[in-house]
N, C-alpha and C. Protein backbone atom coordinates (compact mmCIF):
# COMPACT_ATOMS: atom_id res chain seq x y z
N MET A 1 148.00 81.99 153.50
CA MET A 1 147.05 82.91 152.91
C MET A 1 146.11 82.11 152.00
N PRO A 2 144.81 82.39 152.02
CA PRO A 2 143.86 81.63 151.19
C PRO A 2 144.09 81.89 149.71
N VAL A 3 143.78 80.90 148.94
CA VAL A 3 143.92 81.01 147.49
C VAL A 3 142.60 81.52 146.92
N PHE A 4 142.68 82.57 146.11
CA PHE A 4 141.49 83.15 145.50
C PHE A 4 141.64 83.06 143.99
N GLU A 5 140.85 82.21 143.37
CA GLU A 5 140.89 82.09 141.92
C GLU A 5 139.47 82.05 141.38
N PRO A 6 138.94 83.23 140.99
CA PRO A 6 137.59 83.23 140.42
C PRO A 6 137.57 82.50 139.08
N ALA A 7 136.42 82.07 138.68
CA ALA A 7 136.27 81.41 137.38
C ALA A 7 136.63 82.40 136.28
N PRO A 8 137.16 81.92 135.16
CA PRO A 8 137.45 82.82 134.05
C PRO A 8 136.20 83.61 133.65
N LEU A 9 136.40 84.86 133.30
CA LEU A 9 135.30 85.75 132.95
C LEU A 9 135.40 86.12 131.48
N HIS A 10 134.34 85.88 130.71
CA HIS A 10 134.31 86.19 129.29
C HIS A 10 133.23 87.24 129.06
N LEU A 11 133.67 88.43 128.70
CA LEU A 11 132.77 89.54 128.45
C LEU A 11 132.80 89.90 126.98
N ARG A 12 131.72 90.51 126.50
CA ARG A 12 131.75 91.01 125.14
C ARG A 12 130.91 92.26 125.02
N ARG A 13 131.24 93.05 123.99
CA ARG A 13 130.54 94.31 123.73
C ARG A 13 130.24 94.35 122.24
N ILE A 14 128.95 94.40 121.92
CA ILE A 14 128.52 94.41 120.53
C ILE A 14 127.63 95.63 120.31
N ASP A 15 128.03 96.45 119.34
CA ASP A 15 127.26 97.62 118.94
C ASP A 15 127.23 97.64 117.42
N ALA A 16 126.16 97.12 116.83
CA ALA A 16 126.07 96.98 115.38
C ALA A 16 126.12 98.33 114.67
N SER A 17 125.59 99.37 115.28
CA SER A 17 125.57 100.68 114.63
C SER A 17 126.98 101.25 114.47
N ARG A 18 127.92 100.82 115.32
CA ARG A 18 129.31 101.29 115.24
C ARG A 18 130.23 100.20 114.70
N ASN A 19 129.66 99.07 114.22
CA ASN A 19 130.44 97.94 113.72
C ASN A 19 131.45 97.47 114.77
N MET A 20 130.99 97.41 116.02
CA MET A 20 131.85 97.04 117.14
C MET A 20 131.46 95.66 117.64
N ARG A 21 132.42 94.73 117.63
CA ARG A 21 132.21 93.37 118.16
C ARG A 21 133.49 92.99 118.90
N ARG A 22 133.54 93.26 120.19
CA ARG A 22 134.75 93.04 120.97
C ARG A 22 134.53 92.01 122.08
N PHE A 23 135.62 91.35 122.48
CA PHE A 23 135.58 90.43 123.61
C PHE A 23 136.68 90.81 124.59
N TYR A 24 136.51 90.38 125.83
CA TYR A 24 137.50 90.60 126.88
C TYR A 24 137.44 89.39 127.80
N LEU A 25 138.56 88.70 127.98
CA LEU A 25 138.64 87.50 128.79
C LEU A 25 139.63 87.72 129.93
N LEU A 26 139.20 87.45 131.15
CA LEU A 26 140.05 87.56 132.35
C LEU A 26 140.14 86.21 133.04
N SER A 27 141.34 85.83 133.47
CA SER A 27 141.50 84.61 134.26
C SER A 27 142.71 84.76 135.17
N ILE A 28 142.70 84.00 136.26
CA ILE A 28 143.82 83.98 137.20
C ILE A 28 144.37 82.56 137.22
N GLN A 29 145.70 82.46 137.12
CA GLN A 29 146.36 81.16 137.16
C GLN A 29 147.52 81.23 138.13
N PRO A 30 147.77 80.14 138.87
CA PRO A 30 148.90 80.13 139.79
C PRO A 30 150.23 80.09 139.02
N THR A 31 151.26 80.67 139.62
CA THR A 31 152.61 80.61 139.04
C THR A 31 153.39 79.49 139.71
N LEU A 32 154.53 79.17 139.15
CA LEU A 32 155.37 78.11 139.72
C LEU A 32 156.00 78.50 141.04
N PHE A 33 156.03 79.80 141.34
CA PHE A 33 156.72 80.27 142.53
C PHE A 33 155.78 80.72 143.64
N GLY A 34 154.53 80.27 143.61
CA GLY A 34 153.58 80.57 144.68
C GLY A 34 152.79 81.85 144.49
N GLY A 35 153.01 82.56 143.41
CA GLY A 35 152.26 83.77 143.14
C GLY A 35 151.04 83.47 142.28
N ALA A 36 150.55 84.51 141.64
CA ALA A 36 149.39 84.34 140.76
C ALA A 36 149.54 85.29 139.58
N SER A 37 149.09 84.85 138.43
CA SER A 37 149.13 85.68 137.23
C SER A 37 147.71 86.00 136.78
N LEU A 38 147.50 87.24 136.44
CA LEU A 38 146.24 87.69 135.87
C LEU A 38 146.44 87.72 134.35
N ILE A 39 145.69 86.90 133.65
CA ILE A 39 145.80 86.80 132.20
C ILE A 39 144.64 87.56 131.57
N ARG A 40 144.95 88.49 130.68
CA ARG A 40 143.93 89.26 129.97
C ARG A 40 144.07 88.99 128.49
N ASN A 41 142.95 88.75 127.83
CA ASN A 41 142.93 88.54 126.39
C ASN A 41 141.77 89.38 125.85
N TRP A 42 142.06 90.20 124.83
CA TRP A 42 141.02 91.07 124.30
C TRP A 42 141.21 91.28 122.81
N GLY A 43 140.13 91.67 122.16
CA GLY A 43 140.21 91.97 120.74
C GLY A 43 138.85 91.90 120.07
N ARG A 44 138.88 91.87 118.75
CA ARG A 44 137.65 91.78 117.96
C ARG A 44 137.20 90.32 117.94
N ILE A 45 135.89 90.10 118.10
CA ILE A 45 135.33 88.75 118.07
C ILE A 45 135.68 88.12 116.73
N GLY A 46 136.18 86.90 116.77
CA GLY A 46 136.58 86.19 115.57
C GLY A 46 138.09 86.21 115.35
N THR A 47 138.83 86.97 116.16
CA THR A 47 140.28 87.01 116.07
C THR A 47 140.87 86.43 117.35
N ASN A 48 142.18 86.21 117.36
CA ASN A 48 142.86 85.76 118.58
C ASN A 48 143.06 86.90 119.56
N GLY A 49 143.08 88.13 119.08
CA GLY A 49 143.24 89.29 119.94
C GLY A 49 144.64 89.41 120.50
N GLN A 50 144.75 90.18 121.55
CA GLN A 50 146.02 90.41 122.23
C GLN A 50 145.96 89.80 123.62
N THR A 51 147.11 89.45 124.15
CA THR A 51 147.18 88.86 125.49
C THR A 51 148.20 89.62 126.33
N MET A 52 147.85 89.81 127.60
CA MET A 52 148.76 90.44 128.55
C MET A 52 148.74 89.62 129.84
N MET A 53 149.90 89.39 130.43
CA MET A 53 149.98 88.66 131.69
C MET A 53 150.63 89.56 132.74
N GLN A 54 149.97 89.69 133.88
CA GLN A 54 150.48 90.49 134.99
C GLN A 54 150.65 89.57 136.18
N THR A 55 151.84 89.56 136.77
CA THR A 55 152.14 88.63 137.87
C THR A 55 152.09 89.35 139.21
N PHE A 56 151.50 88.67 140.21
CA PHE A 56 151.37 89.21 141.57
C PHE A 56 152.00 88.25 142.57
N ASP A 57 152.36 88.77 143.74
CA ASP A 57 152.98 87.95 144.78
C ASP A 57 152.01 86.94 145.37
N ASP A 58 150.72 87.28 145.39
CA ASP A 58 149.73 86.33 145.93
C ASP A 58 148.42 86.47 145.18
N SER A 59 147.56 85.49 145.37
CA SER A 59 146.31 85.45 144.62
C SER A 59 145.32 86.53 145.06
N MET A 60 145.44 87.03 146.27
CA MET A 60 144.52 88.07 146.72
C MET A 60 144.73 89.36 145.93
N HIS A 61 145.99 89.74 145.69
CA HIS A 61 146.26 90.93 144.90
C HIS A 61 145.81 90.74 143.46
N ALA A 62 146.00 89.56 142.92
CA ALA A 62 145.53 89.26 141.57
C ALA A 62 144.00 89.35 141.53
N GLY A 63 143.34 88.85 142.57
CA GLY A 63 141.88 88.92 142.64
C GLY A 63 141.37 90.35 142.71
N ASP A 64 142.10 91.21 143.44
CA ASP A 64 141.72 92.63 143.51
C ASP A 64 141.80 93.27 142.12
N ALA A 65 142.88 93.00 141.40
CA ALA A 65 143.05 93.54 140.05
C ALA A 65 141.97 93.00 139.11
N PHE A 66 141.63 91.71 139.26
CA PHE A 66 140.57 91.07 138.48
C PHE A 66 139.26 91.83 138.68
N GLY A 67 138.92 92.10 139.93
CA GLY A 67 137.68 92.82 140.26
C GLY A 67 137.65 94.22 139.70
N ARG A 68 138.78 94.94 139.79
CA ARG A 68 138.85 96.30 139.25
C ARG A 68 138.64 96.30 137.74
N LEU A 69 139.31 95.38 137.05
CA LEU A 69 139.17 95.31 135.59
C LEU A 69 137.74 94.94 135.20
N GLU A 70 137.14 94.00 135.92
CA GLU A 70 135.76 93.61 135.61
C GLU A 70 134.81 94.80 135.74
N ARG A 71 134.94 95.54 136.84
CA ARG A 71 134.07 96.71 137.04
C ARG A 71 134.27 97.75 135.94
N THR A 72 135.52 97.99 135.57
CA THR A 72 135.81 98.97 134.52
C THR A 72 135.18 98.56 133.19
N LYS A 73 135.33 97.31 132.81
CA LYS A 73 134.79 96.83 131.54
C LYS A 73 133.27 96.86 131.54
N ARG A 74 132.65 96.49 132.65
CA ARG A 74 131.19 96.52 132.72
C ARG A 74 130.66 97.95 132.63
N ARG A 75 131.37 98.90 133.23
CA ARG A 75 130.98 100.31 133.12
C ARG A 75 131.07 100.80 131.67
N ARG A 76 131.99 100.22 130.90
CA ARG A 76 132.17 100.62 129.50
C ARG A 76 131.24 99.88 128.55
N GLY A 77 130.33 99.08 129.07
CA GLY A 77 129.33 98.46 128.23
C GLY A 77 129.53 96.99 127.92
N TYR A 78 130.52 96.36 128.50
CA TYR A 78 130.73 94.93 128.27
C TYR A 78 129.75 94.13 129.13
N ASP A 79 129.21 93.05 128.55
CA ASP A 79 128.28 92.16 129.25
C ASP A 79 128.79 90.73 129.16
N ASP A 80 128.17 89.86 129.96
CA ASP A 80 128.54 88.45 129.92
C ASP A 80 128.23 87.87 128.55
N ALA A 81 129.15 87.06 128.07
CA ALA A 81 128.94 86.39 126.77
C ALA A 81 127.99 85.23 126.96
N GLU A 82 127.03 85.09 126.04
CA GLU A 82 126.12 83.93 126.11
C GLU A 82 126.88 82.70 125.68
N ARG A 83 126.55 81.60 126.29
CA ARG A 83 127.26 80.35 125.96
C ARG A 83 126.41 79.48 125.12
């Protein structure tokens, strides 16, 4: 099965009128057992935030979850972070 590992995605949502400065980071990393882990990190900009790791049997399922989360966050107003 082909390996699917998109580049890490760093999104942020800033709304000064609501004092909102949030980030959301998504990445996929291979596991030691041939699967793939979807790593999510989110929180207020300037903090370490929270981290969640979800493990999948293969990278395609992890990639599907990555795409779903990206679409959801973009619908909620998150944009690409400037570098």
